N, C-alpha and C. Protein backbone atom coordinates (compact mmCIF):
# COMPACT_ATOMS: atom_id res chain seq x y z
N UNK A 1 18.30 0.86 -28.56
CA UNK A 1 19.02 1.83 -27.78
C UNK A 1 18.08 2.62 -26.94
N UNK A 2 16.97 3.03 -27.49
CA UNK A 2 15.93 3.86 -26.69
C UNK A 2 15.44 3.07 -25.53
N UNK A 3 15.19 1.70 -25.65
CA UNK A 3 14.79 1.00 -24.52
C UNK A 3 15.88 0.87 -23.48
N UNK A 4 17.11 0.71 -23.93
CA UNK A 4 18.20 0.71 -22.96
C UNK A 4 18.26 1.91 -22.17
N UNK A 5 18.14 3.12 -22.77
CA UNK A 5 18.17 4.44 -22.09
C UNK A 5 16.97 4.53 -21.05
N UNK A 6 15.84 4.17 -21.66
CA UNK A 6 14.64 4.18 -20.79
C UNK A 6 14.85 3.37 -19.57
N UNK A 7 15.30 2.14 -19.70
CA UNK A 7 15.64 1.30 -18.48
C UNK A 7 16.65 1.95 -17.58
N UNK A 8 17.54 2.48 -18.15
CA UNK A 8 18.69 3.22 -17.31
C UNK A 8 18.08 4.36 -16.48
N UNK A 9 17.29 5.14 -17.23
CA UNK A 9 16.64 6.28 -16.43
C UNK A 9 15.67 5.77 -15.41
N UNK A 10 14.85 4.80 -15.70
CA UNK A 10 13.92 4.25 -14.79
C UNK A 10 14.67 3.63 -13.46
N UNK A 11 15.80 2.97 -13.80
CA UNK A 11 16.63 2.48 -12.67
C UNK A 11 17.13 3.55 -11.66
N UNK A 12 17.43 4.79 -12.28
CA UNK A 12 17.84 5.91 -11.50
C UNK A 12 16.70 6.54 -10.75
N UNK A 13 15.53 6.40 -11.27
CA UNK A 13 14.35 7.19 -10.57
C UNK A 13 13.55 6.19 -9.67
N UNK A 14 13.84 4.92 -9.59
CA UNK A 14 13.06 4.02 -8.86
C UNK A 14 13.11 4.32 -7.28
N UNK A 15 11.97 4.12 -6.66
CA UNK A 15 11.97 4.38 -5.30
C UNK A 15 12.28 3.19 -4.43
N UNK A 16 12.60 3.47 -3.12
CA UNK A 16 12.79 2.36 -2.25
C UNK A 16 12.11 2.63 -0.94
N UNK A 17 11.75 1.54 -0.30
CA UNK A 17 11.11 1.65 1.09
C UNK A 17 12.06 2.13 2.10
N UNK A 18 11.61 3.09 2.94
CA UNK A 18 12.46 3.41 3.97
C UNK A 18 12.55 2.44 5.12
N UNK A 19 13.52 2.70 5.97
CA UNK A 19 13.59 1.71 7.09
C UNK A 19 12.21 1.80 7.99
N UNK A 20 11.66 2.98 8.13
CA UNK A 20 10.50 3.06 8.82
C UNK A 20 9.28 2.30 8.17
N UNK A 21 9.28 2.37 6.91
CA UNK A 21 8.24 1.55 6.12
C UNK A 21 8.53 0.04 6.31
N UNK A 22 9.68 -0.39 6.21
CA UNK A 22 10.07 -1.68 6.42
C UNK A 22 9.70 -2.25 7.73
N UNK A 23 9.86 -1.42 8.81
CA UNK A 23 9.51 -1.73 10.15
C UNK A 23 8.00 -1.90 10.31
N UNK A 24 7.23 -1.11 9.54
CA UNK A 24 5.84 -1.10 9.63
C UNK A 24 5.23 -2.29 8.88
N UNK A 25 6.16 -3.07 8.26
CA UNK A 25 5.66 -4.28 7.50
C UNK A 25 5.88 -5.46 8.41
N UNK A 26 6.50 -5.27 9.55
CA UNK A 26 6.67 -6.36 10.52
C UNK A 26 5.34 -7.01 10.94
N UNK A 27 5.18 -8.30 10.87
CA UNK A 27 3.92 -8.84 11.28
C UNK A 27 2.90 -8.94 10.09
N UNK A 28 3.17 -8.29 9.01
CA UNK A 28 2.21 -8.33 7.90
C UNK A 28 2.40 -9.59 7.00
N UNK A 29 1.36 -10.09 6.46
CA UNK A 29 1.42 -11.23 5.75
C UNK A 29 2.44 -11.23 4.52
N UNK A 30 3.20 -12.25 4.38
CA UNK A 30 4.22 -12.16 3.35
C UNK A 30 3.74 -11.81 1.94
N UNK A 31 2.47 -12.22 1.62
CA UNK A 31 2.04 -11.84 0.26
C UNK A 31 1.78 -10.30 0.12
N UNK A 32 1.30 -9.63 1.08
CA UNK A 32 1.19 -8.28 1.12
C UNK A 32 2.58 -7.62 1.02
N UNK A 33 3.45 -7.97 1.86
CA UNK A 33 4.86 -7.44 1.85
C UNK A 33 5.52 -7.58 0.54
N UNK A 34 5.32 -8.73 -0.14
CA UNK A 34 5.90 -9.01 -1.45
C UNK A 34 5.30 -8.02 -2.46
N UNK A 35 4.05 -7.71 -2.39
CA UNK A 35 3.34 -6.86 -3.33
C UNK A 35 3.88 -5.55 -3.09
N UNK A 36 4.00 -4.97 -1.82
CA UNK A 36 4.44 -3.62 -1.53
C UNK A 36 5.94 -3.49 -2.00
N UNK A 37 6.69 -4.51 -1.78
CA UNK A 37 8.08 -4.39 -2.15
C UNK A 37 8.33 -4.37 -3.68
N UNK A 38 7.42 -5.01 -4.47
CA UNK A 38 7.57 -4.98 -5.81
C UNK A 38 6.91 -3.67 -6.40
N UNK A 39 5.79 -3.16 -5.78
CA UNK A 39 5.19 -1.93 -6.19
C UNK A 39 6.10 -0.80 -6.16
N UNK A 40 6.88 -0.73 -5.07
CA UNK A 40 7.84 0.52 -4.87
C UNK A 40 8.78 0.54 -5.95
N UNK A 41 9.02 -0.46 -6.52
CA UNK A 41 10.05 -0.75 -7.63
C UNK A 41 9.51 -0.16 -8.98
N UNK A 42 8.27 -0.20 -9.15
CA UNK A 42 7.49 0.03 -10.43
C UNK A 42 6.67 1.23 -10.33
N UNK A 43 6.41 1.85 -9.25
CA UNK A 43 5.56 3.01 -9.04
C UNK A 43 5.99 4.27 -9.83
N UNK A 44 5.01 5.10 -10.18
CA UNK A 44 5.44 6.40 -10.71
C UNK A 44 5.53 7.49 -9.61
N UNK A 45 4.87 7.04 -8.39
CA UNK A 45 4.90 8.03 -7.32
C UNK A 45 5.40 7.35 -6.14
N UNK A 46 6.17 8.02 -5.40
CA UNK A 46 6.74 7.46 -4.09
C UNK A 46 5.66 7.30 -3.10
N UNK A 47 5.94 6.44 -2.16
CA UNK A 47 4.93 6.10 -1.10
C UNK A 47 5.68 5.55 0.09
N UNK A 48 5.01 5.63 1.21
CA UNK A 48 5.49 4.97 2.40
C UNK A 48 4.34 4.26 3.17
N UNK A 49 4.88 3.17 3.94
CA UNK A 49 3.89 2.44 4.67
C UNK A 49 3.53 3.25 5.88
N UNK A 50 2.25 3.56 6.12
CA UNK A 50 1.72 4.13 7.25
C UNK A 50 1.42 3.18 8.32
N UNK A 51 0.72 2.14 8.05
CA UNK A 51 0.26 1.09 9.00
C UNK A 51 0.13 -0.21 8.32
N UNK A 52 0.54 -1.19 9.11
CA UNK A 52 0.47 -2.65 8.70
C UNK A 52 -0.47 -3.32 9.80
N UNK A 53 0.17 -4.18 10.61
CA UNK A 53 -0.44 -4.82 11.60
C UNK A 53 -0.89 -3.82 12.72
N UNK A 54 -2.14 -3.93 13.09
CA UNK A 54 -2.63 -3.01 13.90
C UNK A 54 -3.45 -3.64 15.22
N UNK A 55 -3.28 -2.92 16.33
CA UNK A 55 -3.81 -3.56 17.56
C UNK A 55 -5.26 -3.17 17.57
N UNK A 56 -6.04 -3.92 18.31
CA UNK A 56 -7.45 -3.66 18.65
C UNK A 56 -7.64 -2.23 19.30
N UNK A 57 -6.80 -1.92 20.11
CA UNK A 57 -6.83 -0.50 20.78
C UNK A 57 -6.74 0.52 19.60
N UNK A 58 -5.82 0.36 18.74
CA UNK A 58 -5.62 1.41 17.62
C UNK A 58 -6.87 1.39 16.69
N UNK A 59 -7.38 0.20 16.44
CA UNK A 59 -8.59 0.09 15.62
C UNK A 59 -9.75 0.84 16.30
N UNK A 60 -9.93 0.68 17.61
CA UNK A 60 -10.93 1.39 18.37
C UNK A 60 -10.78 2.99 18.24
N UNK A 61 -9.49 3.41 18.35
CA UNK A 61 -9.17 4.87 18.17
C UNK A 61 -9.62 5.40 16.85
N UNK A 62 -9.31 4.54 15.79
CA UNK A 62 -9.55 4.99 14.47
C UNK A 62 -11.14 5.01 14.17
N UNK A 63 -11.82 4.07 14.89
CA UNK A 63 -13.27 4.07 14.79
C UNK A 63 -13.87 5.28 15.42
N UNK A 64 -13.39 5.59 16.63
CA UNK A 64 -13.78 6.81 17.34
C UNK A 64 -13.52 8.11 16.56
N UNK A 65 -12.48 8.10 15.79
CA UNK A 65 -12.10 9.34 14.94
C UNK A 65 -12.91 9.28 13.60
N UNK A 66 -13.66 8.21 13.30
CA UNK A 66 -14.37 8.03 12.22
C UNK A 66 -13.44 7.79 10.86
N UNK A 67 -12.30 7.29 11.29
CA UNK A 67 -11.26 7.04 10.17
C UNK A 67 -11.53 5.58 9.58
N UNK A 68 -12.33 4.91 10.29
CA UNK A 68 -12.79 3.57 9.78
C UNK A 68 -14.18 3.31 10.25
N UNK A 69 -14.79 2.26 9.67
CA UNK A 69 -16.24 2.11 9.95
C UNK A 69 -16.41 0.72 10.65
N UNK A 70 -15.33 0.01 11.03
CA UNK A 70 -15.41 -1.27 11.61
C UNK A 70 -14.38 -1.60 12.66
N UNK A 71 -14.69 -2.51 13.41
CA UNK A 71 -13.66 -3.10 14.44
C UNK A 71 -13.10 -4.51 13.73
N UNK A 72 -13.74 -4.88 12.65
CA UNK A 72 -13.31 -6.17 11.98
C UNK A 72 -12.50 -5.70 10.70
N UNK A 73 -11.16 -5.48 11.00
CA UNK A 73 -10.26 -4.96 10.00
C UNK A 73 -9.24 -6.03 9.69
N UNK A 74 -8.89 -6.11 8.40
CA UNK A 74 -7.68 -6.95 8.05
C UNK A 74 -6.45 -6.60 8.63
N UNK A 75 -6.32 -5.23 9.09
CA UNK A 75 -5.08 -4.82 9.80
C UNK A 75 -4.84 -5.62 11.06
N UNK A 76 -5.96 -6.02 11.63
CA UNK A 76 -5.86 -6.80 12.97
C UNK A 76 -5.11 -8.05 12.86
N UNK A 77 -5.12 -8.69 11.71
CA UNK A 77 -4.49 -9.91 11.47
C UNK A 77 -3.30 -9.94 10.61
N UNK A 78 -2.85 -8.65 10.17
CA UNK A 78 -1.66 -8.46 9.34
C UNK A 78 -1.98 -8.73 7.90
N UNK A 79 -3.18 -8.63 7.47
CA UNK A 79 -3.48 -8.90 6.08
C UNK A 79 -3.83 -7.63 5.26
N UNK A 80 -3.39 -6.43 5.77
CA UNK A 80 -3.66 -5.14 5.05
C UNK A 80 -2.59 -4.16 5.53
N UNK A 81 -2.41 -3.28 4.55
CA UNK A 81 -1.45 -2.13 4.82
C UNK A 81 -2.21 -0.79 4.28
N UNK A 82 -1.75 0.29 4.89
CA UNK A 82 -2.11 1.62 4.46
C UNK A 82 -0.78 2.22 3.84
N UNK A 83 -0.86 2.76 2.64
CA UNK A 83 0.23 3.49 2.07
C UNK A 83 -0.15 4.99 1.87
N UNK A 84 0.92 5.73 2.03
CA UNK A 84 0.70 7.22 1.94
C UNK A 84 1.70 7.79 0.80
N UNK A 85 0.99 8.53 -0.08
CA UNK A 85 1.74 9.14 -1.19
C UNK A 85 2.66 10.15 -0.76
N UNK A 86 3.88 10.25 -1.41
CA UNK A 86 4.87 11.10 -1.16
C UNK A 86 5.21 11.91 -2.45
N UNK A 87 5.09 13.39 -2.41
CA UNK A 87 5.55 14.15 -3.57
C UNK A 87 6.60 14.97 -3.10
N UNK A 88 7.76 14.88 -3.62
CA UNK A 88 8.99 15.65 -3.18
C UNK A 88 9.14 15.45 -1.74
N UNK A 89 9.05 14.27 -1.31
CA UNK A 89 9.20 13.75 0.15
C UNK A 89 8.20 14.38 1.03
N UNK A 90 7.07 14.93 0.71
CA UNK A 90 6.00 15.49 1.46
C UNK A 90 4.81 14.58 1.30
N UNK A 91 4.10 14.26 2.37
CA UNK A 91 2.84 13.53 2.35
C UNK A 91 1.81 14.31 1.63
N UNK A 92 1.05 13.70 0.80
CA UNK A 92 -0.10 14.35 0.09
C UNK A 92 -1.24 13.30 0.16
N UNK A 93 -2.46 13.97 0.25
CA UNK A 93 -3.62 13.09 0.17
C UNK A 93 -4.46 13.42 -1.14
N UNK A 94 -3.87 14.04 -2.00
CA UNK A 94 -4.53 14.12 -3.37
C UNK A 94 -4.81 12.74 -4.02
N UNK A 95 -6.16 12.52 -4.24
CA UNK A 95 -6.47 11.20 -4.64
C UNK A 95 -5.85 10.71 -5.92
N UNK A 96 -5.49 11.65 -6.81
CA UNK A 96 -4.83 11.26 -8.12
C UNK A 96 -3.55 10.48 -7.82
N UNK A 97 -2.89 10.74 -6.87
CA UNK A 97 -1.56 10.01 -6.49
C UNK A 97 -1.92 8.54 -5.99
N UNK A 98 -3.05 8.38 -5.23
CA UNK A 98 -3.44 7.08 -4.77
C UNK A 98 -3.81 6.23 -5.91
N UNK A 99 -4.39 6.74 -6.88
CA UNK A 99 -4.71 5.94 -8.17
C UNK A 99 -3.50 5.43 -8.75
N UNK A 100 -2.41 6.26 -8.79
CA UNK A 100 -1.11 5.77 -9.34
C UNK A 100 -0.58 4.62 -8.48
N UNK A 101 -0.59 4.95 -7.10
CA UNK A 101 -0.11 3.80 -6.22
C UNK A 101 -0.87 2.54 -6.39
N UNK A 102 -2.19 2.69 -6.59
CA UNK A 102 -3.03 1.51 -6.80
C UNK A 102 -2.68 0.70 -8.02
N UNK A 103 -2.39 1.49 -9.09
CA UNK A 103 -1.98 0.84 -10.38
C UNK A 103 -0.73 0.03 -10.21
N UNK A 104 0.25 0.64 -9.40
CA UNK A 104 1.48 -0.07 -9.19
C UNK A 104 1.22 -1.35 -8.26
N UNK A 105 0.43 -1.14 -7.30
CA UNK A 105 0.08 -2.34 -6.39
C UNK A 105 -0.65 -3.50 -7.16
N UNK A 106 -1.57 -3.01 -8.08
CA UNK A 106 -2.36 -4.04 -8.72
C UNK A 106 -1.44 -4.81 -9.78
N UNK A 107 -0.62 -4.09 -10.47
CA UNK A 107 0.36 -4.62 -11.33
C UNK A 107 1.35 -5.52 -10.63
N UNK A 108 1.84 -5.12 -9.48
CA UNK A 108 2.79 -5.90 -8.69
C UNK A 108 2.00 -7.20 -8.30
N UNK A 109 0.80 -7.04 -7.78
CA UNK A 109 0.02 -8.37 -7.39
C UNK A 109 -0.23 -9.24 -8.59
N UNK A 110 -0.44 -8.70 -9.76
CA UNK A 110 -0.72 -9.54 -10.90
C UNK A 110 0.56 -10.28 -11.30
N UNK A 111 1.71 -9.56 -11.26
CA UNK A 111 2.97 -10.18 -11.53
C UNK A 111 3.34 -11.34 -10.59
N UNK A 112 3.02 -11.09 -9.37
CA UNK A 112 3.26 -12.11 -8.28
C UNK A 112 2.20 -13.09 -8.01
N UNK A 113 1.11 -13.05 -8.91
CA UNK A 113 -0.07 -14.00 -8.83
C UNK A 113 -0.59 -13.96 -7.36
N UNK A 114 -0.86 -12.74 -6.89
CA UNK A 114 -1.39 -12.51 -5.64
C UNK A 114 -2.65 -11.59 -5.74
N UNK A 115 -3.74 -12.01 -5.17
CA UNK A 115 -5.00 -11.32 -5.26
C UNK A 115 -5.00 -10.18 -4.09
N UNK A 116 -5.20 -9.05 -4.45
CA UNK A 116 -5.31 -7.95 -3.54
C UNK A 116 -6.66 -7.19 -3.73
N UNK A 117 -7.02 -6.45 -2.66
CA UNK A 117 -8.22 -5.60 -2.79
C UNK A 117 -7.71 -4.19 -2.44
N UNK A 118 -8.19 -3.20 -3.29
CA UNK A 118 -7.92 -1.75 -2.98
C UNK A 118 -9.15 -1.10 -2.40
N UNK A 119 -9.00 -0.43 -1.18
CA UNK A 119 -10.04 0.38 -0.65
C UNK A 119 -10.62 1.52 -1.54
N UNK A 120 -9.92 1.85 -2.49
CA UNK A 120 -10.43 2.84 -3.45
C UNK A 120 -11.50 2.31 -4.43
N UNK A 121 -11.54 1.02 -4.47
CA UNK A 121 -12.51 0.23 -5.39
C UNK A 121 -13.79 -0.04 -4.60
N UNK A 122 -13.81 0.22 -3.26
CA UNK A 122 -14.97 -0.11 -2.47
C UNK A 122 -16.18 0.79 -2.83
N UNK A 123 -17.32 0.36 -2.78
CA UNK A 123 -18.60 1.11 -3.23
C UNK A 123 -18.88 2.22 -2.17
N UNK A 124 -18.69 1.83 -0.86
CA UNK A 124 -18.89 2.80 0.30
C UNK A 124 -17.63 3.00 1.03
N UNK A 125 -17.41 4.09 1.70
CA UNK A 125 -16.23 4.42 2.44
C UNK A 125 -14.89 4.07 1.73
N UNK A 126 -14.76 4.79 0.59
CA UNK A 126 -13.64 4.63 -0.17
C UNK A 126 -12.37 5.03 0.62
N UNK A 127 -11.37 4.10 0.47
CA UNK A 127 -10.16 4.32 1.39
C UNK A 127 -8.88 4.05 0.37
N UNK A 128 -8.48 5.20 -0.23
CA UNK A 128 -7.40 5.05 -1.26
C UNK A 128 -6.00 4.64 -0.70
N UNK A 129 -5.88 4.72 0.69
CA UNK A 129 -4.63 4.29 1.24
C UNK A 129 -4.53 2.80 1.44
N UNK A 130 -5.67 2.14 1.50
CA UNK A 130 -5.81 0.77 2.01
C UNK A 130 -5.73 -0.42 0.92
N UNK A 131 -4.86 -1.33 1.24
CA UNK A 131 -4.72 -2.49 0.43
C UNK A 131 -4.88 -3.73 1.25
N UNK A 132 -5.57 -4.68 0.95
CA UNK A 132 -5.55 -5.90 1.68
C UNK A 132 -5.71 -7.17 0.88
N UNK A 133 -5.51 -8.32 1.54
CA UNK A 133 -5.72 -9.54 0.97
C UNK A 133 -7.25 -9.89 1.22
N UNK A 134 -7.79 -10.57 0.27
CA UNK A 134 -9.25 -10.93 0.45
C UNK A 134 -9.49 -11.73 1.73
N UNK A 135 -10.72 -11.65 2.31
CA UNK A 135 -11.02 -12.38 3.50
C UNK A 135 -10.79 -13.86 3.40
N UNK A 136 -10.80 -14.44 2.27
CA UNK A 136 -10.68 -15.82 2.15
C UNK A 136 -9.21 -16.30 2.24
N UNK A 137 -8.28 -15.39 2.32
CA UNK A 137 -6.87 -15.75 2.54
C UNK A 137 -6.61 -15.68 4.00
N UNK A 138 -6.05 -16.72 4.56
CA UNK A 138 -5.71 -16.78 5.94
C UNK A 138 -4.24 -16.53 6.17
């Protein structure tokens, strides 16, 4: 009975991707899309897709702003997404929320048997918003 109630409550509190987020997934590799779609169902913190497929011009802008360190980004080929945490429908950059999103993304990837990399696990230039398929995936 308790498990039934828990599942009922969880169903009522699950998040969904907005139309804007779905639009930002256009051109993104189907494996990343699948992971994001599953992660939003199981996450404890709401999020939105900020960027998916990115133009070289946009990448150059971000490099100039020091928001990235490279012109060789998985965003350029649709193999990466940036997700932004939402708390009471407001964007937040508090890192603790990105750890929760990463947990949901990693769990979703594992369920779907898809390998992803999280920018928060990088040794340099930690990027908690960034998720990508490994470079070996085309």
